[in-house]
Structures are given as structure tokens and as C-alpha cells.
Amino acid sequence: MGLGDKAAAFKMIEQAMALIPIEKDPFDGPQVIEILARVAAQTGEPDRAIAALQKLLSIPYNSPSGVPLTPALLRLDPMFDPLRNDPRFQRIAASSASKPAAK
């Protein structure tokens, strides 16, 4: 993504999702979904980003950063700036729903 190759970025994410499916690896699988959400937000794919964020906020997981996304963090994280005007993102970021902690 950083090199401007959107197709390659999504191809790598799809490969990672196939190797580490969330259904088989609830520890590492969600991390790939967070990366998908971030890449999709940055590359103008709001539908993919929103779907990934909705999934992440509905499950416990460990983030690659060590801090799982929450609605409060979504409001602050500049990677999601391209989604700020999307009403779906605004609803997600405004929610106060908490999820169980990852084990």
C-alpha cells in the first residue's frame, strides 16, 4: 500500500487471510482483518473497511499494535480519516459498545 500498489496490497492481505483464517486462529486471524481495515480505509475502499471494522468490534482480539481498536480509538486514529464523513463509520465511532478482552 505504501508503494501505491493497491492490488498487491489486497492480494497480500487475501493470502494472509487464507493462511490465518479467523475461524481457525482467533488470536492472529483478527490481526489480518485489522490490517485489511486500515489498507481499505487508506486506499479508498470504504465498504471493505467498514465491514472489517464491524467484524473487529464484535469480537475479542489482539491487535498488531497491542491495543485493539475501539470506537474511541477509531475517533482518534488518523489512518481512518478517509472514512470520517461516511455515516456508517460515524455510527461505529460514536458507539460505546465494549467487547470482551482477548485472552
PDB file of N, CA and C in Angstrom:
ATOM      1  N   MET A   1       0.831  -1.175   0.000  1.00  0.00           N
ATOM      2  CA  MET A   1       0.000   0.000   0.000  1.00  0.00           C
ATOM      3  C   MET A   1       0.878   1.241   0.000  1.00  0.00           C
ATOM      4  N   GLY A   2       1.935   1.219   0.804  1.00  0.00           N
ATOM      5  CA  GLY A   2       2.815   2.377   0.910  1.00  0.00           C
ATOM      6  C   GLY A   2       3.525   2.701  -0.387  1.00  0.00           C
ATOM      7  N   LEU A   3       3.635   1.712  -1.258  1.00  0.00           N
ATOM      8  CA  LEU A   3       4.290   1.930  -2.551  1.00  0.00           C
ATOM      9  C   LEU A   3       3.279   2.271  -3.644  1.00  0.00           C
ATOM     10  N   GLY A   4       2.011   2.383  -3.266  1.00  0.00           N
ATOM     11  CA  GLY A   4       0.993   2.771  -4.227  1.00  0.00           C
ATOM     12  C   GLY A   4       0.421   1.626  -5.044  1.00  0.00           C
ATOM     13  N   ASP A   5       0.690   0.389  -4.660  1.00  0.00           N
ATOM     14  CA  ASP A   5       0.183  -0.758  -5.403  1.00  0.00           C
ATOM     15  C   ASP A   5      -0.984  -1.372  -4.626  1.00  0.00           C
ATOM     16  N   LYS A   6      -2.160  -0.806  -4.857  1.00  0.00           N
ATOM     17  CA  LYS A   6      -3.365  -1.224  -4.156  1.00  0.00           C
ATOM     18  C   LYS A   6      -3.674  -2.706  -4.406  1.00  0.00           C
ATOM     19  N   ALA A   7      -3.562  -3.141  -5.650  1.00  0.00           N
ATOM     20  CA  ALA A   7      -3.877  -4.533  -5.985  1.00  0.00           C
ATOM     21  C   ALA A   7      -2.948  -5.492  -5.240  1.00  0.00           C
ATOM     22  N   ALA A   8      -1.670  -5.179  -5.195  1.00  0.00           N
ATOM     23  CA  ALA A   8      -0.714  -6.039  -4.492  1.00  0.00           C
ATOM     24  C   ALA A   8      -0.999  -6.056  -2.994  1.00  0.00           C
ATOM     25  N   ALA A   9      -1.373  -4.917  -2.441  1.00  0.00           N
ATOM     26  CA  ALA A   9      -1.676  -4.850  -1.013  1.00  0.00           C
ATOM     27  C   ALA A   9      -2.852  -5.762  -0.675  1.00  0.00           C
ATOM     28  N   PHE A  10      -3.913  -5.687  -1.463  1.00  0.00           N
ATOM     29  CA  PHE A  10      -5.075  -6.531  -1.189  1.00  0.00           C
ATOM     30  C   PHE A  10      -4.777  -7.999  -1.461  1.00  0.00           C
ATOM     31  N   LYS A  11      -3.952  -8.274  -2.446  1.00  0.00           N
ATOM     32  CA  LYS A  11      -3.569  -9.662  -2.724  1.00  0.00           C
ATOM     33  C   LYS A  11      -2.829 -10.250  -1.526  1.00  0.00           C
ATOM     34  N   MET A  12      -1.911  -9.475  -0.957  1.00  0.00           N
ATOM     35  CA  MET A  12      -1.169  -9.954   0.215  1.00  0.00           C
ATOM     36  C   MET A  12      -2.095 -10.180   1.406  1.00  0.00           C
ATOM     37  N   ILE A  13      -3.054  -9.282   1.595  1.00  0.00           N
ATOM     38  CA  ILE A  13      -3.999  -9.431   2.703  1.00  0.00           C
ATOM     39  C   ILE A  13      -4.856 -10.673   2.500  1.00  0.00           C
ATOM     40  N   GLU A  14      -5.331 -10.878   1.269  1.00  0.00           N
ATOM     41  CA  GLU A  14      -6.149 -12.050   0.992  1.00  0.00           C
ATOM     42  C   GLU A  14      -5.353 -13.341   1.221  1.00  0.00           C
ATOM     43  N   GLN A  15      -4.077 -13.335   0.862  1.00  0.00           N
ATOM     44  CA  GLN A  15      -3.238 -14.502   1.113  1.00  0.00           C
ATOM     45  C   GLN A  15      -3.087 -14.738   2.615  1.00  0.00           C
ATOM     46  N   ALA A  16      -2.889 -13.674   3.356  1.00  0.00           N
ATOM     47  CA  ALA A  16      -2.752 -13.802   4.812  1.00  0.00           C
ATOM     48  C   ALA A  16      -4.047 -14.304   5.435  1.00  0.00           C
ATOM     49  N   MET A  17      -5.179 -13.817   4.932  1.00  0.00           N
ATOM     50  CA  MET A  17      -6.466 -14.266   5.467  1.00  0.00           C
ATOM     51  C   MET A  17      -6.689 -15.744   5.171  1.00  0.00           C
ATOM     52  N   ALA A  18      -6.198 -16.213   4.028  1.00  0.00           N
ATOM     53  CA  ALA A  18      -6.321 -17.632   3.694  1.00  0.00           C
ATOM     54  C   ALA A  18      -5.407 -18.492   4.575  1.00  0.00           C
ATOM     55  N   LEU A  19      -4.238 -17.964   4.898  1.00  0.00           N
ATOM     56  CA  LEU A  19      -3.285 -18.704   5.733  1.00  0.00           C
ATOM     57  C   LEU A  19      -3.672 -18.687   7.211  1.00  0.00           C
ATOM     58  N   ILE A  20      -4.272 -17.575   7.636  1.00  0.00           N
ATOM     59  CA  ILE A  20      -4.609 -17.396   9.050  1.00  0.00           C
ATOM     60  C   ILE A  20      -6.098 -17.034   9.162  1.00  0.00           C
ATOM     61  N   PRO A  21      -6.993 -17.969   8.828  1.00  0.00           N
ATOM     62  CA  PRO A  21      -8.417 -17.634   8.905  1.00  0.00           C
ATOM     63  C   PRO A  21      -8.857 -17.424  10.349  1.00  0.00           C
ATOM     64  N   ILE A  22      -9.688 -16.456  10.535  1.00  0.00           N
ATOM     65  CA  ILE A  22     -10.163 -16.113  11.884  1.00  0.00           C
ATOM     66  C   ILE A  22     -10.888 -17.293  12.531  1.00  0.00           C
ATOM     67  N   GLU A  23     -11.549 -18.109  11.715  1.00  0.00           N
ATOM     68  CA  GLU A  23     -12.288 -19.254  12.254  1.00  0.00           C
ATOM     69  C   GLU A  23     -11.352 -20.304  12.859  1.00  0.00           C
ATOM     70  N   LYS A  24     -10.139 -20.388  12.351  1.00  0.00           N
ATOM     71  CA  LYS A  24      -9.190 -21.381  12.850  1.00  0.00           C
ATOM     72  C   LYS A  24      -8.152 -20.793  13.793  1.00  0.00           C
ATOM     73  N   ASP A  25      -7.960 -19.496  13.724  1.00  0.00           N
ATOM     74  CA  ASP A  25      -6.959 -18.850  14.576  1.00  0.00           C
ATOM     75  C   ASP A  25      -7.527 -17.547  15.136  1.00  0.00           C
ATOM     76  N   PRO A  26      -8.279 -17.641  16.232  1.00  0.00           N
ATOM     77  CA  PRO A  26      -8.891 -16.432  16.791  1.00  0.00           C
ATOM     78  C   PRO A  26      -7.893 -15.470  17.418  1.00  0.00           C
ATOM     79  N   PHE A  27      -6.644 -15.889  17.562  1.00  0.00           N
ATOM     80  CA  PHE A  27      -5.632 -14.999  18.127  1.00  0.00           C
ATOM     81  C   PHE A  27      -5.007 -14.113  17.045  1.00  0.00           C
ATOM     82  N   ASP A  28      -4.497 -14.733  15.980  1.00  0.00           N
ATOM     83  CA  ASP A  28      -3.826 -13.974  14.928  1.00  0.00           C
ATOM     84  C   ASP A  28      -4.745 -13.596  13.766  1.00  0.00           C
ATOM     85  N   GLY A  29      -5.793 -14.362  13.536  1.00  0.00           N
ATOM     86  CA  GLY A  29      -6.699 -14.088  12.422  1.00  0.00           C
ATOM     87  C   GLY A  29      -7.268 -12.673  12.420  1.00  0.00           C
ATOM     88  N   PRO A  30      -7.745 -12.170  13.549  1.00  0.00           N
ATOM     89  CA  PRO A  30      -8.293 -10.817  13.571  1.00  0.00           C
ATOM     90  C   PRO A  30      -7.253  -9.731  13.256  1.00  0.00           C
ATOM     91  N   GLN A  31      -5.986 -10.011  13.517  1.00  0.00           N
ATOM     92  CA  GLN A  31      -4.957  -9.015  13.214  1.00  0.00           C
ATOM     93  C   GLN A  31      -4.921  -8.723  11.715  1.00  0.00           C
ATOM     94  N   VAL A  32      -5.118  -9.741  10.913  1.00  0.00           N
ATOM     95  CA  VAL A  32      -5.135  -9.550   9.462  1.00  0.00           C
ATOM     96  C   VAL A  32      -6.347  -8.713   9.061  1.00  0.00           C
ATOM     97  N   ILE A  33      -7.466  -8.920   9.748  1.00  0.00           N
ATOM     98  CA  ILE A  33      -8.663  -8.141   9.449  1.00  0.00           C
ATOM     99  C   ILE A  33      -8.438  -6.672   9.797  1.00  0.00           C
ATOM    100  N   GLU A  34      -7.714  -6.406  10.883  1.00  0.00           N
ATOM    101  CA  GLU A  34      -7.403  -5.010  11.207  1.00  0.00           C
ATOM    102  C   GLU A  34      -6.527  -4.382  10.122  1.00  0.00           C
ATOM    103  N   ILE A  35      -5.571  -5.134   9.636  1.00  0.00           N
ATOM    104  CA  ILE A  35      -4.718  -4.627   8.560  1.00  0.00           C
ATOM    105  C   ILE A  35      -5.567  -4.359   7.323  1.00  0.00           C
ATOM    106  N   LEU A  36      -6.496  -5.263   7.022  1.00  0.00           N
ATOM    107  CA  LEU A  36      -7.417  -5.057   5.900  1.00  0.00           C
ATOM    108  C   LEU A  36      -8.193  -3.754   6.084  1.00  0.00           C
ATOM    109  N   ALA A  37      -8.715  -3.521   7.272  1.00  0.00           N
ATOM    110  CA  ALA A  37      -9.482  -2.298   7.530  1.00  0.00           C
ATOM    111  C   ALA A  37      -8.632  -1.057   7.290  1.00  0.00           C
ATOM    112  N   ARG A  38      -7.406  -1.085   7.745  1.00  0.00           N
ATOM    113  CA  ARG A  38      -6.518   0.065   7.590  1.00  0.00           C
ATOM    114  C   ARG A  38      -6.149   0.296   6.125  1.00  0.00           C
ATOM    115  N   VAL A  39      -5.823  -0.779   5.413  1.00  0.00           N
ATOM    116  CA  VAL A  39      -5.462  -0.651   3.999  1.00  0.00           C
ATOM    117  C   VAL A  39      -6.668  -0.183   3.194  1.00  0.00           C
ATOM    118  N   ALA A  40      -7.828  -0.776   3.460  1.00  0.00           N
ATOM    119  CA  ALA A  40      -9.033  -0.390   2.728  1.00  0.00           C
ATOM    120  C   ALA A  40      -9.377   1.080   2.971  1.00  0.00           C
ATOM    121  N   ALA A  41      -9.243   1.532   4.203  1.00  0.00           N
ATOM    122  CA  ALA A  41      -9.523   2.939   4.500  1.00  0.00           C
ATOM    123  C   ALA A  41      -8.583   3.859   3.741  1.00  0.00           C
ATOM    124  N   GLN A  42      -7.329   3.514   3.699  1.00  0.00           N
ATOM    125  CA  GLN A  42      -6.317   4.357   3.063  1.00  0.00           C
ATOM    126  C   GLN A  42      -6.358   4.308   1.543  1.00  0.00           C
ATOM    127  N   THR A  43      -6.942   3.270   0.965  1.00  0.00           N
ATOM    128  CA  THR A  43      -6.928   3.127  -0.489  1.00  0.00           C
ATOM    129  C   THR A  43      -8.293   3.383  -1.129  1.00  0.00           C
ATOM    130  N   GLY A  44      -9.205   3.990  -0.377  1.00  0.00           N
ATOM    131  CA  GLY A  44     -10.493   4.363  -0.951  1.00  0.00           C
ATOM    132  C   GLY A  44     -11.456   3.207  -1.139  1.00  0.00           C
ATOM    133  N   GLU A  45     -11.447   2.259  -0.222  1.00  0.00           N
ATOM    134  CA  GLU A  45     -12.360   1.114  -0.249  1.00  0.00           C
ATOM    135  C   GLU A  45     -13.201   1.131   1.031  1.00  0.00           C
ATOM    136  N   PRO A  46     -14.098   2.112   1.163  1.00  0.00           N
ATOM    137  CA  PRO A  46     -14.836   2.246   2.422  1.00  0.00           C
ATOM    138  C   PRO A  46     -15.709   1.041   2.771  1.00  0.00           C
ATOM    139  N   ASP A  47     -16.298   0.383   1.787  1.00  0.00           N
ATOM    140  CA  ASP A  47     -17.150  -0.765   2.099  1.00  0.00           C
ATOM    141  C   ASP A  47     -16.347  -1.884   2.759  1.00  0.00           C
ATOM    142  N   ARG A  48     -15.167  -2.145   2.226  1.00  0.00           N
ATOM    143  CA  ARG A  48     -14.298  -3.172   2.815  1.00  0.00           C
ATOM    144  C   ARG A  48     -13.841  -2.757   4.211  1.00  0.00           C
ATOM    145  N   ALA A  49     -13.483  -1.509   4.363  1.00  0.00           N
ATOM    146  CA  ALA A  49     -13.003  -1.019   5.659  1.00  0.00           C
ATOM    147  C   ALA A  49     -14.098  -1.108   6.716  1.00  0.00           C
ATOM    148  N   ILE A  50     -15.289  -0.658   6.377  1.00  0.00           N
ATOM    149  CA  ILE A  50     -16.404  -0.662   7.331  1.00  0.00           C
ATOM    150  C   ILE A  50     -16.749  -2.095   7.737  1.00  0.00           C
ATOM    151  N   ALA A  51     -16.821  -3.003   6.770  1.00  0.00           N
ATOM    152  CA  ALA A  51     -17.142  -4.403   7.081  1.00  0.00           C
ATOM    153  C   ALA A  51     -16.094  -4.997   8.018  1.00  0.00           C
ATOM    154  N   ALA A  52     -14.827  -4.706   7.758  1.00  0.00           N
ATOM    155  CA  ALA A  52     -13.759  -5.219   8.612  1.00  0.00           C
ATOM    156  C   ALA A  52     -13.859  -4.631  10.018  1.00  0.00           C
ATOM    157  N   LEU A  53     -14.121  -3.344  10.118  1.00  0.00           N
ATOM    158  CA  LEU A  53     -14.244  -2.704  11.429  1.00  0.00           C
ATOM    159  C   LEU A  53     -15.423  -3.264  12.215  1.00  0.00           C
ATOM    160  N   GLN A  54     -16.542  -3.488  11.538  1.00  0.00           N
ATOM    161  CA  GLN A  54     -17.701  -4.045  12.223  1.00  0.00           C
ATOM    162  C   GLN A  54     -17.372  -5.433  12.790  1.00  0.00           C
ATOM    163  N   LYS A  55     -16.656  -6.223  12.011  1.00  0.00           N
ATOM    164  CA  LYS A  55     -16.258  -7.552  12.477  1.00  0.00           C
ATOM    165  C   LYS A  55     -15.346  -7.434  13.702  1.00  0.00           C
ATOM    166  N   LEU A  56     -14.340  -6.566  13.606  1.00  0.00           N
ATOM    167  CA  LEU A  56     -13.377  -6.420  14.709  1.00  0.00           C
ATOM    168  C   LEU A  56     -14.036  -5.960  15.999  1.00  0.00           C
ATOM    169  N   LEU A  57     -14.980  -5.048  15.888  1.00  0.00           N
ATOM    170  CA  LEU A  57     -15.613  -4.517  17.094  1.00  0.00           C
ATOM    171  C   LEU A  57     -16.609  -5.493  17.710  1.00  0.00           C
ATOM    172  N   SER A  58     -16.862  -6.599  17.012  1.00  0.00           N
ATOM    173  CA  SER A  58     -17.813  -7.575  17.539  1.00  0.00           C
ATOM    174  C   SER A  58     -17.130  -8.769  18.214  1.00  0.00           C
ATOM    175  N   ILE A  59     -15.783  -8.799  18.178  1.00  0.00           N
ATOM    176  CA  ILE A  59     -15.060  -9.954  18.724  1.00  0.00           C
ATOM    177  C   ILE A  59     -13.886  -9.492  19.592  1.00  0.00           C
ATOM    178  N   PRO A  60     -13.455 -10.333  20.503  1.00  0.00           N
ATOM    179  CA  PRO A  60     -12.218 -10.024  21.231  1.00  0.00           C
ATOM    180  C   PRO A  60     -11.031 -10.404  20.360  1.00  0.00           C
ATOM    181  N   TYR A  61      -9.974  -9.610  20.391  1.00  0.00           N
ATOM    182  CA  TYR A  61      -8.781  -9.935  19.615  1.00  0.00           C
ATOM    183  C   TYR A  61      -7.601  -9.135  20.116  1.00  0.00           C
ATOM    184  N   ASN A  62      -6.411  -9.561  19.690  1.00  0.00           N
ATOM    185  CA  ASN A  62      -5.181  -8.834  19.982  1.00  0.00           C
ATOM    186  C   ASN A  62      -4.763  -8.111  18.718  1.00  0.00           C
ATOM    187  N   SER A  63      -4.537  -6.845  18.833  1.00  0.00           N
ATOM    188  CA  SER A  63      -4.162  -6.009  17.698  1.00  0.00           C
ATOM    189  C   SER A  63      -2.671  -6.122  17.408  1.00  0.00           C
ATOM    190  N   PRO A  64      -2.262  -5.920  16.138  1.00  0.00           N
ATOM    191  CA  PRO A  64      -0.826  -5.886  15.841  1.00  0.00           C
ATOM    192  C   PRO A  64      -0.104  -4.805  16.652  1.00  0.00           C
ATOM    193  N   SER A  65      -0.825  -3.741  16.984  1.00  0.00           N
ATOM    194  CA  SER A  65      -0.221  -2.652  17.758  1.00  0.00           C
ATOM    195  C   SER A  65      -0.199  -2.958  19.255  1.00  0.00           C
ATOM    196  N   GLY A  66      -0.918  -4.000  19.654  1.00  0.00           N
ATOM    197  CA  GLY A  66      -1.017  -4.325  21.070  1.00  0.00           C
ATOM    198  C   GLY A  66      -2.251  -3.731  21.728  1.00  0.00           C
ATOM    199  N   VAL A  67      -2.927  -2.833  21.027  1.00  0.00           N
ATOM    200  CA  VAL A  67      -4.132  -2.194  21.546  1.00  0.00           C
ATOM    201  C   VAL A  67      -5.260  -2.406  20.533  1.00  0.00           C
ATOM    202  N   PRO A  68      -6.243  -3.253  20.859  1.00  0.00           N
ATOM    203  CA  PRO A  68      -7.334  -3.490  19.918  1.00  0.00           C
ATOM    204  C   PRO A  68      -8.119  -2.212  19.624  1.00  0.00           C
ATOM    205  N   LEU A  69      -8.666  -2.157  18.429  1.00  0.00           N
ATOM    206  CA  LEU A  69      -9.470  -0.986  18.066  1.00  0.00           C
ATOM    207  C   LEU A  69     -10.736  -0.937  18.902  1.00  0.00           C
ATOM    208  N   THR A  70     -11.098   0.253  19.278  1.00  0.00           N
ATOM    209  CA  THR A  70     -12.346   0.527  19.977  1.00  0.00           C
ATOM    210  C   THR A  70     -12.971   1.725  19.281  1.00  0.00           C
ATOM    211  N   PRO A  71     -14.250   1.994  19.524  1.00  0.00           N
ATOM    212  CA  PRO A  71     -14.828   3.195  18.927  1.00  0.00           C
ATOM    213  C   PRO A  71     -14.042   4.466  19.282  1.00  0.00           C
ATOM    214  N   ALA A  72     -13.563   4.547  20.517  1.00  0.00           N
ATOM    215  CA  ALA A  72     -12.791   5.729  20.927  1.00  0.00           C
ATOM    216  C   ALA A  72     -11.496   5.850  20.124  1.00  0.00           C
ATOM    217  N   LEU A  73     -10.807   4.735  19.921  1.00  0.00           N
ATOM    218  CA  LEU A  73      -9.568   4.776  19.135  1.00  0.00           C
ATOM    219  C   LEU A  73      -9.845   5.097  17.672  1.00  0.00           C
ATOM    220  N   LEU A  74     -10.965   4.612  17.152  1.00  0.00           N
ATOM    221  CA  LEU A  74     -11.317   4.937  15.762  1.00  0.00           C
ATOM    222  C   LEU A  74     -11.489   6.445  15.586  1.00  0.00           C
ATOM    223  N   ARG A  75     -12.033   7.090  16.599  1.00  0.00           N
ATOM    224  CA  ARG A  75     -12.226   8.543  16.515  1.00  0.00           C
ATOM    225  C   ARG A  75     -10.896   9.289  16.471  1.00  0.00           C
ATOM    226  N   LEU A  76      -9.837   8.677  16.976  1.00  0.00           N
ATOM    227  CA  LEU A  76      -8.536   9.340  17.071  1.00  0.00           C
ATOM    228  C   LEU A  76      -7.536   8.918  15.997  1.00  0.00           C
ATOM    229  N   ASP A  77      -7.639   7.711  15.494  1.00  0.00           N
ATOM    230  CA  ASP A  77      -6.634   7.149  14.603  1.00  0.00           C
ATOM    231  C   ASP A  77      -6.671   7.828  13.222  1.00  0.00           C
ATOM    232  N   PRO A  78      -5.598   8.492  12.836  1.00  0.00           N
ATOM    233  CA  PRO A  78      -5.586   9.205  11.558  1.00  0.00           C
ATOM    234  C   PRO A  78      -5.651   8.289  10.334  1.00  0.00           C
ATOM    235  N   MET A  79      -5.371   7.010  10.487  1.00  0.00           N
ATOM    236  CA  MET A  79      -5.482   6.099   9.339  1.00  0.00           C
ATOM    237  C   MET A  79      -6.919   5.982   8.853  1.00  0.00           C
ATOM    238  N   PHE A  80      -7.865   6.300   9.724  1.00  0.00           N
ATOM    239  CA  PHE A  80      -9.266   6.192   9.346  1.00  0.00           C
ATOM    240  C   PHE A  80      -9.872   7.543   8.939  1.00  0.00           C
ATOM    241  N   ASP A  81      -9.052   8.557   8.790  1.00  0.00           N
ATOM    242  CA  ASP A  81      -9.535   9.867   8.350  1.00  0.00           C
ATOM    243  C   ASP A  81     -10.327   9.807   7.042  1.00  0.00           C
ATOM    244  N   PRO A  82      -9.936   8.978   6.072  1.00  0.00           N
ATOM    245  CA  PRO A  82     -10.721   8.937   4.833  1.00  0.00           C
ATOM    246  C   PRO A  82     -12.167   8.462   5.028  1.00  0.00           C
ATOM    247  N   LEU A  83     -12.460   7.854   6.163  1.00  0.00           N
ATOM    248  CA  LEU A  83     -13.813   7.351   6.428  1.00  0.00           C
ATOM    249  C   LEU A  83     -14.648   8.308   7.272  1.00  0.00           C
ATOM    250  N   ARG A  84     -14.076   9.379   7.739  1.00  0.00           N
ATOM    251  CA  ARG A  84     -14.750  10.250   8.715  1.00  0.00           C
ATOM    252  C   ARG A  84     -16.123  10.750   8.269  1.00  0.00           C
ATOM    253  N   ASN A  85     -16.326  10.995   6.983  1.00  0.00           N
ATOM    254  CA  ASN A  85     -17.606  11.529   6.508  1.00  0.00           C
ATOM    255  C   ASN A  85     -18.617  10.440   6.163  1.00  0.00           C
ATOM    256  N   ASP A  86     -18.236   9.191   6.279  1.00  0.00           N
ATOM    257  CA  ASP A  86     -19.138   8.082   5.983  1.00  0.00           C
ATOM    258  C   ASP A  86     -20.058   7.871   7.192  1.00  0.00           C
ATOM    259  N   PRO A  87     -21.376   7.937   6.992  1.00  0.00           N
ATOM    260  CA  PRO A  87     -22.298   7.773   8.124  1.00  0.00           C
ATOM    261  C   PRO A  87     -22.130   6.439   8.854  1.00  0.00           C
ATOM    262  N   ARG A  88     -21.751   5.389   8.125  1.00  0.00           N
ATOM    263  CA  ARG A  88     -21.545   4.086   8.770  1.00  0.00           C
ATOM    264  C   ARG A  88     -20.366   4.155   9.730  1.00  0.00           C
ATOM    265  N   PHE A  89     -19.297   4.802   9.302  1.00  0.00           N
ATOM    266  CA  PHE A  89     -18.135   4.958  10.178  1.00  0.00           C
ATOM    267  C   PHE A  89     -18.496   5.826  11.380  1.00  0.00           C
ATOM    268  N   GLN A  90     -19.251   6.876  11.147  1.00  0.00           N
ATOM    269  CA  GLN A  90     -19.648   7.762  12.249  1.00  0.00           C
ATOM    270  C   GLN A  90     -20.451   7.007  13.294  1.00  0.00           C
ATOM    271  N   ARG A  91     -21.327   6.099  12.844  1.00  0.00           N
ATOM    272  CA  ARG A  91     -22.101   5.292  13.807  1.00  0.00           C
ATOM    273  C   ARG A  91     -21.182   4.359  14.605  1.00  0.00           C
ATOM    274  N   ILE A  92     -20.240   3.736  13.904  1.00  0.00           N
ATOM    275  CA  ILE A  92     -19.308   2.828  14.590  1.00  0.00           C
ATOM    276  C   ILE A  92     -18.471   3.600  15.607  1.00  0.00           C
ATOM    277  N   ALA A  93     -17.923   4.730  15.182  1.00  0.00           N
ATOM    278  CA  ALA A  93     -17.047   5.519  16.052  1.00  0.00           C
ATOM    279  C   ALA A  93     -17.806   6.151  17.215  1.00  0.00           C
ATOM    280  N   ALA A  94     -19.095   6.381  17.028  1.00  0.00           N
ATOM    281  CA  ALA A  94     -19.891   7.004  18.091  1.00  0.00           C
ATOM    282  C   ALA A  94     -20.399   5.977  19.093  1.00  0.00           C
ATOM    283  N   SER A  95     -20.357   4.711  18.728  1.00  0.00           N
ATOM    284  CA  SER A  95     -20.884   3.683  19.629  1.00  0.00           C
ATOM    285  C   SER A  95     -19.994   3.566  20.856  1.00  0.00           C
ATOM    286  N   SER A  96     -20.593   3.113  21.915  1.00  0.00           N
ATOM    287  CA  SER A  96     -19.821   2.920  23.140  1.00  0.00           C
ATOM    288  C   SER A  96     -19.768   1.447  23.496  1.00  0.00           C
ATOM    289  N   ALA A  97     -20.092   0.617  22.519  1.00  0.00           N
ATOM    290  CA  ALA A  97     -20.102  -0.831  22.767  1.00  0.00           C
ATOM    291  C   ALA A  97     -18.702  -1.298  23.140  1.00  0.00           C
ATOM    292  N   SER A  98     -18.655  -2.104  24.147  1.00  0.00           N
ATOM    293  CA  SER A  98     -17.364  -2.707  24.527  1.00  0.00           C
ATOM    294  C   SER A  98     -17.430  -4.178  24.196  1.00  0.00           C
ATOM    295  N   LYS A  99     -16.270  -4.753  23.997  1.00  0.00           N
ATOM    296  CA  LYS A  99     -16.184  -6.169  23.680  1.00  0.00           C
ATOM    297  C   LYS A  99     -15.349  -6.852  24.751  1.00  0.00           C
ATOM    298  N   PRO A 100     -15.496  -8.155  24.859  1.00  0.00           N
ATOM    299  CA  PRO A 100     -14.688  -8.855  25.867  1.00  0.00           C
ATOM    300  C   PRO A 100     -13.204  -8.771  25.522  1.00  0.00           C
ATOM    301  N   ALA A 101     -12.400  -8.790  26.527  1.00  0.00           N
ATOM    302  CA  ALA A 101     -10.941  -8.739  26.330  1.00  0.00           C
ATOM    303  C   ALA A 101     -10.450 -10.048  25.747  1.00  0.00           C
ATOM    304  N   ALA A 102      -9.427  -9.950  24.920  1.00  0.00           N
ATOM    305  CA  ALA A 102      -8.809 -11.154  24.348  1.00  0.00           C
ATOM    306  C   ALA A 102      -8.021 -11.866  25.435  1.00  0.00           C
ATOM    307  N   LYS A 103      -7.948 -13.155  25.296  1.00  0.00           N
ATOM    308  CA  LYS A 103      -7.220 -13.956  26.293  1.00  0.00           C
ATOM    309  C   LYS A 103      -5.878 -14.348  25.781  1.00  0.00           C
TER     310      LYS A 103
END
